[in-house]
């Protein structure tokens, strides 16, 4: 009897052991790919100055690209090989699909951390940045509070987290565009009353004469939301490295240093996160 039970149990145990081995082998899938290629593929922005844009020679630069390079250095130390960055340009409408489809290993692309996004990708905690939504419009346009856009035609970017909520709340006719440049041009062409925009990006626009001469932010910023870096699900070691990395960005004050470097007004989020982690 014991022999029969043991005989029947061995295949089960073998199967469990094999499953455990498979789990261990797949735990470092992202690291294995990055190490084999000697390359970190990153979904990133190149149309969102100063967070991600192109230098005069076409090289992607900006606050987020500096963060990406820090990840590269940490991966080199972790994996013991030279790593180069392969930037994969994305927009709000396709960045999550690109990550899910394996076009990139890491996503750092001004993406708001939303619960529904966590169902399909791993968004790293802590978040690394934060912003909210405001209205950019001509100074002559009569918008003094959010209710003034009721039933109006407004421009926005495809995939922006605020689109659905604001459309429902104010019954606006929403014109959305894939690229930042197309969205800005629609506003300048008068195709909409105003542009629903990230307040950090709007502040950078208004630092330029071509914007601040005629345009302004019209209302108080609302819907402040944190930005998250993300990776594919099922890579716990890579996730742990990213959690450690972002925690260290806050602890060291790196985010605030990069805000200064790229002439971004210090955000309450970056300051509060540094205070939270500096003594940890």
Protein backbone atom coordinates (compact mmCIF):
# COMPACT_ATOMS: atom_id res chain seq x y z
CA UNK A 1 0.00 0.00 0.00
CA UNK A 2 2.74 2.42 1.02
CA UNK A 3 4.65 1.53 -2.12
CA UNK A 4 1.60 2.30 -4.28
CA UNK A 5 1.06 5.64 -2.58
CA UNK A 6 4.74 6.51 -2.89
CA UNK A 7 4.75 5.39 -6.50
CA UNK A 8 1.76 7.57 -7.26
CA UNK A 9 3.16 10.48 -5.36
CA UNK A 10 6.53 10.62 -7.11
CA UNK A 11 5.21 11.94 -10.42
CA UNK A 12 3.23 14.59 -8.54
CA UNK A 13 6.29 15.65 -6.57
CA UNK A 14 8.34 15.68 -9.73
CA UNK A 15 5.75 17.87 -11.38
CA UNK A 16 5.72 20.27 -8.45
CA UNK A 17 9.50 20.45 -8.49
CA UNK A 18 9.48 21.14 -12.21
CA UNK A 19 6.87 23.85 -11.75
CA UNK A 20 8.98 25.40 -9.00
CA UNK A 21 12.05 25.30 -11.21
CA UNK A 22 10.11 26.90 -14.04
CA UNK A 23 8.94 29.66 -11.72
CA UNK A 24 12.50 30.31 -10.55
CA UNK A 25 13.76 30.31 -14.11
CA UNK A 26 11.13 32.80 -15.24
CA UNK A 27 11.61 35.11 -12.26
CA UNK A 28 14.53 36.83 -13.96
CA UNK A 29 13.04 36.85 -17.48
CA UNK A 30 13.37 40.62 -17.84
CA UNK A 31 16.92 40.62 -16.48
CA UNK A 32 17.87 37.74 -18.77
CA UNK A 33 16.60 39.58 -21.86
CA UNK A 34 18.33 42.81 -20.90
CA UNK A 35 21.61 41.04 -20.11
CA UNK A 36 21.56 38.95 -23.31
CA UNK A 37 20.92 42.00 -25.47
CA UNK A 38 23.13 44.35 -23.49
CA UNK A 39 20.26 46.76 -23.96
CA UNK A 40 17.42 48.29 -21.96
CA UNK A 41 14.42 49.07 -24.18
CA UNK A 42 12.47 51.94 -22.63
CA UNK A 43 9.09 53.35 -23.67
CA UNK A 44 9.66 57.08 -23.30
CA UNK A 45 8.42 60.47 -24.45
CA UNK A 46 10.13 62.66 -27.04
CA UNK A 47 7.34 65.23 -27.44
CA UNK A 48 6.91 66.36 -23.84
CA UNK A 49 9.48 69.00 -23.01
CA UNK A 50 11.21 69.12 -20.55
CA UNK A 51 10.45 65.54 -19.46
CA UNK A 52 11.23 63.95 -22.80
CA UNK A 53 12.17 65.65 -26.09
CA UNK A 54 14.83 65.57 -28.79
CA UNK A 55 18.11 67.46 -28.77
CA UNK A 56 19.24 69.26 -31.90
CA UNK A 57 20.93 66.06 -33.11
CA UNK A 58 17.81 63.97 -32.48
CA UNK A 59 19.01 62.42 -29.22
CA UNK A 60 16.22 61.97 -26.64
CA UNK A 61 16.88 64.15 -23.59
CA UNK A 62 14.96 65.53 -20.64
CA UNK A 63 14.18 64.92 -16.99
CA UNK A 64 12.81 61.43 -17.54
CA UNK A 65 15.69 60.44 -19.82
CA UNK A 66 18.10 61.38 -17.02
CA UNK A 67 16.15 59.02 -14.76
CA UNK A 68 16.32 56.31 -17.40
CA UNK A 69 20.09 56.67 -17.58
CA UNK A 70 20.27 56.20 -13.81
CA UNK A 71 18.34 52.94 -14.20
CA UNK A 72 20.84 51.89 -16.88
CA UNK A 73 23.77 52.45 -14.54
CA UNK A 74 22.11 50.43 -11.79
CA UNK A 75 21.40 47.58 -14.21
CA UNK A 76 25.04 47.55 -15.31
CA UNK A 77 26.09 47.15 -11.68
CA UNK A 78 23.43 44.50 -11.02
CA UNK A 79 23.99 42.40 -14.16
CA UNK A 80 27.73 42.92 -14.54
CA UNK A 81 27.56 43.87 -18.24
CA UNK A 82 27.54 47.08 -20.23
CA UNK A 83 24.01 48.24 -20.98
CA UNK A 84 22.86 50.75 -23.55
CA UNK A 85 19.44 52.39 -23.69
CA UNK A 86 17.15 51.81 -26.65
CA UNK A 87 14.51 54.56 -26.39
CA UNK A 88 11.13 53.56 -27.85
CA UNK A 89 9.14 56.75 -28.55
CA UNK A 90 5.55 56.54 -27.31
CA UNK A 91 2.52 58.75 -26.86
CA UNK A 92 -0.23 58.53 -24.26
CA UNK A 93 -2.42 56.48 -26.58
CA UNK A 94 0.04 53.61 -27.16
CA UNK A 95 2.52 53.48 -24.28
CA UNK A 96 0.74 50.79 -22.24
CA UNK A 97 0.10 48.62 -25.31
CA UNK A 98 3.80 48.84 -26.24
CA UNK A 99 4.82 47.65 -22.77
CA UNK A 100 2.25 44.86 -22.70
CA UNK A 101 3.35 43.73 -26.16
CA UNK A 102 7.01 43.49 -25.15
CA UNK A 103 8.29 46.37 -27.27
CA UNK A 104 9.99 47.74 -24.17
CA UNK A 105 11.29 46.42 -20.85
CA UNK A 106 10.49 49.59 -18.90
CA UNK A 107 8.02 52.45 -19.27
CA UNK A 108 8.89 55.91 -17.98
CA UNK A 109 6.64 58.21 -19.99
CA UNK A 110 4.66 60.72 -17.88
CA UNK A 111 2.09 58.00 -17.15
CA UNK A 112 -0.44 58.57 -14.39
CA UNK A 113 -0.83 55.72 -11.92
CA UNK A 114 -4.46 54.54 -12.26
CA UNK A 115 -6.03 51.41 -10.72
CA UNK A 116 -7.25 50.07 -14.06
CA UNK A 117 -3.72 50.22 -15.47
CA UNK A 118 -2.43 48.03 -12.64
CA UNK A 119 -4.57 45.16 -13.91
CA UNK A 120 -2.25 44.51 -16.85
CA UNK A 121 1.13 46.03 -15.93
CA UNK A 122 3.23 46.42 -12.77
CA UNK A 123 3.38 50.08 -11.76
CA UNK A 124 6.29 50.65 -9.43
CA UNK A 125 5.86 52.04 -5.94
CA UNK A 126 6.70 54.62 -4.87
CA UNK A 127 5.60 56.84 -7.75
CA UNK A 128 8.28 59.19 -9.03
CA UNK A 129 6.41 62.37 -9.99
CA UNK A 130 3.00 64.06 -9.98
CA UNK A 131 0.91 66.58 -11.90
CA UNK A 132 -2.68 67.71 -12.40
CA UNK A 133 -4.89 69.13 -15.14
CA UNK A 134 -5.51 72.76 -16.01
CA UNK A 135 -6.85 74.77 -18.96
CA UNK A 136 -4.54 76.63 -21.30
CA UNK A 137 -6.35 79.25 -23.38
CA UNK A 138 -6.07 82.71 -24.85
CA UNK A 139 -6.00 85.50 -22.28
CA UNK A 140 -9.06 86.98 -23.96
CA UNK A 141 -11.13 83.81 -23.46
CA UNK A 142 -13.66 84.09 -20.65
CA UNK A 143 -12.83 81.06 -18.52
CA UNK A 144 -12.64 81.88 -14.82
CA UNK A 145 -13.70 78.58 -13.26
CA UNK A 146 -14.10 74.98 -14.38
CA UNK A 147 -17.84 75.33 -14.89
CA UNK A 148 -17.21 77.83 -17.69
CA UNK A 149 -16.27 74.99 -20.06
CA UNK A 150 -19.75 73.44 -19.76
CA UNK A 151 -20.97 72.36 -23.24
CA UNK A 152 -17.86 73.85 -24.89
CA UNK A 153 -15.42 72.37 -27.39
CA UNK A 154 -12.10 71.51 -25.75
CA UNK A 155 -8.81 70.05 -27.02
CA UNK A 156 -6.82 67.32 -25.29
CA UNK A 157 -4.33 64.52 -25.88
CA UNK A 158 -5.48 60.99 -26.64
CA UNK A 159 -5.19 58.75 -23.61
CA UNK A 160 -5.04 61.58 -21.05
CA UNK A 161 -6.43 60.30 -17.74
CA UNK A 162 -8.74 63.30 -17.28
CA UNK A 163 -10.58 63.04 -20.61
CA UNK A 164 -13.45 60.77 -19.62
CA UNK A 165 -14.18 62.37 -16.25
CA UNK A 166 -14.17 65.95 -17.52
CA UNK A 167 -16.19 65.06 -20.61
CA UNK A 168 -18.88 63.50 -18.46
CA UNK A 169 -18.86 66.20 -15.79
CA UNK A 170 -19.04 69.20 -18.11
CA UNK A 171 -20.59 67.67 -21.24
CA UNK A 172 -17.74 69.02 -23.34
CA UNK A 173 -17.15 68.19 -26.99
CA UNK A 174 -13.67 66.74 -26.83
CA UNK A 175 -11.21 66.95 -29.72
CA UNK A 176 -8.29 64.60 -29.04
CA UNK A 177 -5.00 64.26 -30.90
CA UNK A 178 -2.22 61.68 -30.79
CA UNK A 179 0.71 64.08 -30.63
CA UNK A 180 1.45 67.11 -28.44
CA UNK A 181 2.25 69.28 -31.47
CA UNK A 182 -1.09 68.46 -33.13
CA UNK A 183 -2.94 69.30 -29.92
CA UNK A 184 -1.16 72.64 -29.58
CA UNK A 185 -1.79 73.50 -33.23
CA UNK A 186 -5.51 72.81 -32.84
CA UNK A 187 -5.63 75.29 -29.95
CA UNK A 188 -3.70 77.91 -31.91
CA UNK A 189 -5.98 77.41 -34.91
CA UNK A 190 -9.00 78.18 -32.74
CA UNK A 191 -10.57 74.75 -33.13
CA UNK A 192 -11.37 74.63 -29.42
CA UNK A 193 -12.02 77.06 -26.58
CA UNK A 194 -9.07 75.81 -24.57
CA UNK A 195 -6.60 72.99 -24.09
CA UNK A 196 -6.91 70.50 -21.22
CA UNK A 197 -3.30 70.00 -20.26
CA UNK A 198 -0.88 68.74 -17.68
CA UNK A 199 0.02 71.70 -15.48
CA UNK A 200 3.75 70.89 -15.51
CA UNK A 201 3.83 70.89 -19.30
CA UNK A 202 1.76 74.08 -19.42
CA UNK A 203 4.20 75.85 -17.12
CA UNK A 204 7.03 75.02 -19.49
CA UNK A 205 5.04 76.31 -22.45
CA UNK A 206 4.36 79.58 -20.67
CA UNK A 207 8.08 80.08 -20.11
CA UNK A 208 8.28 80.67 -23.88
CA UNK A 209 7.39 84.01 -25.43
CA UNK A 210 5.32 82.44 -28.20
CA UNK A 211 2.96 81.19 -25.49
CA UNK A 212 3.06 83.71 -22.64
CA UNK A 213 2.32 86.65 -24.90
CA UNK A 214 -1.23 85.51 -25.65
CA UNK A 215 -2.01 82.45 -23.50
CA UNK A 216 -2.43 81.68 -19.81
CA UNK A 217 -3.61 79.02 -17.38
CA UNK A 218 -7.21 79.84 -16.58
CA UNK A 219 -8.21 77.95 -13.43
CA UNK A 220 -6.95 76.11 -10.37
CA UNK A 221 -5.24 72.79 -11.08
CA UNK A 222 -7.40 69.77 -10.20
CA UNK A 223 -7.13 65.96 -10.30
CA UNK A 224 -3.54 65.94 -9.11
CA UNK A 225 -2.22 62.44 -9.78
CA UNK A 226 1.09 60.64 -9.41
CA UNK A 227 3.20 59.33 -12.28
CA UNK A 228 4.39 55.75 -12.22
CA UNK A 229 7.17 53.82 -13.92
CA UNK A 230 6.02 50.39 -15.11
CA UNK A 231 7.28 46.99 -16.23
CA UNK A 232 5.61 43.82 -17.47
CA UNK A 233 4.00 41.65 -14.83
CA UNK A 234 5.85 38.58 -13.58
CA UNK A 235 9.33 40.06 -13.10
CA UNK A 236 9.76 40.35 -9.32
CA UNK A 237 13.52 40.93 -9.36
CA UNK A 238 13.29 43.78 -11.86
CA UNK A 239 10.36 45.19 -9.87
CA UNK A 240 12.42 45.07 -6.66
CA UNK A 241 15.31 46.89 -8.37
CA UNK A 242 12.96 49.62 -9.63
CA UNK A 243 11.35 50.01 -6.21
CA UNK A 244 14.79 50.46 -4.66
CA UNK A 245 15.81 52.87 -7.42
CA UNK A 246 12.82 55.19 -7.15
CA UNK A 247 12.98 55.16 -3.37
CA UNK A 248 16.61 56.27 -3.66
CA UNK A 249 15.64 59.06 -6.10
CA UNK A 250 13.40 60.51 -3.41
CA UNK A 251 15.81 59.84 -0.57
CA UNK A 252 18.75 61.53 -2.32
CA UNK A 253 16.73 64.46 -3.67
CA UNK A 254 17.54 63.49 -7.26
CA UNK A 255 14.08 64.42 -8.52
CA UNK A 256 14.40 67.94 -7.11
CA UNK A 257 17.90 68.26 -8.55
CA UNK A 258 16.54 67.37 -11.99
CA UNK A 259 13.70 69.85 -11.60
CA UNK A 260 16.34 72.52 -11.06
CA UNK A 261 18.41 71.26 -13.99
CA UNK A 262 15.47 71.41 -16.40
CA UNK A 263 14.02 74.66 -15.03
CA UNK A 264 10.89 73.01 -13.67
CA UNK A 265 9.25 74.73 -10.73
CA UNK A 266 9.74 72.63 -7.59
CA UNK A 267 6.65 70.49 -7.10
CA UNK A 268 5.08 69.83 -3.68
CA UNK A 269 5.16 66.13 -4.57
CA UNK A 270 8.95 65.98 -5.06
CA UNK A 271 9.56 67.99 -1.89
CA UNK A 272 7.21 65.92 0.26
CA UNK A 273 8.60 62.62 -1.03
CA UNK A 274 12.14 63.73 -0.22
CA UNK A 275 11.04 64.61 3.30
CA UNK A 276 9.35 61.24 3.62
CA UNK A 277 12.34 59.16 2.52
CA UNK A 278 15.44 61.22 3.37
CA UNK A 279 16.01 59.58 6.73
CA UNK A 280 14.98 56.06 5.72
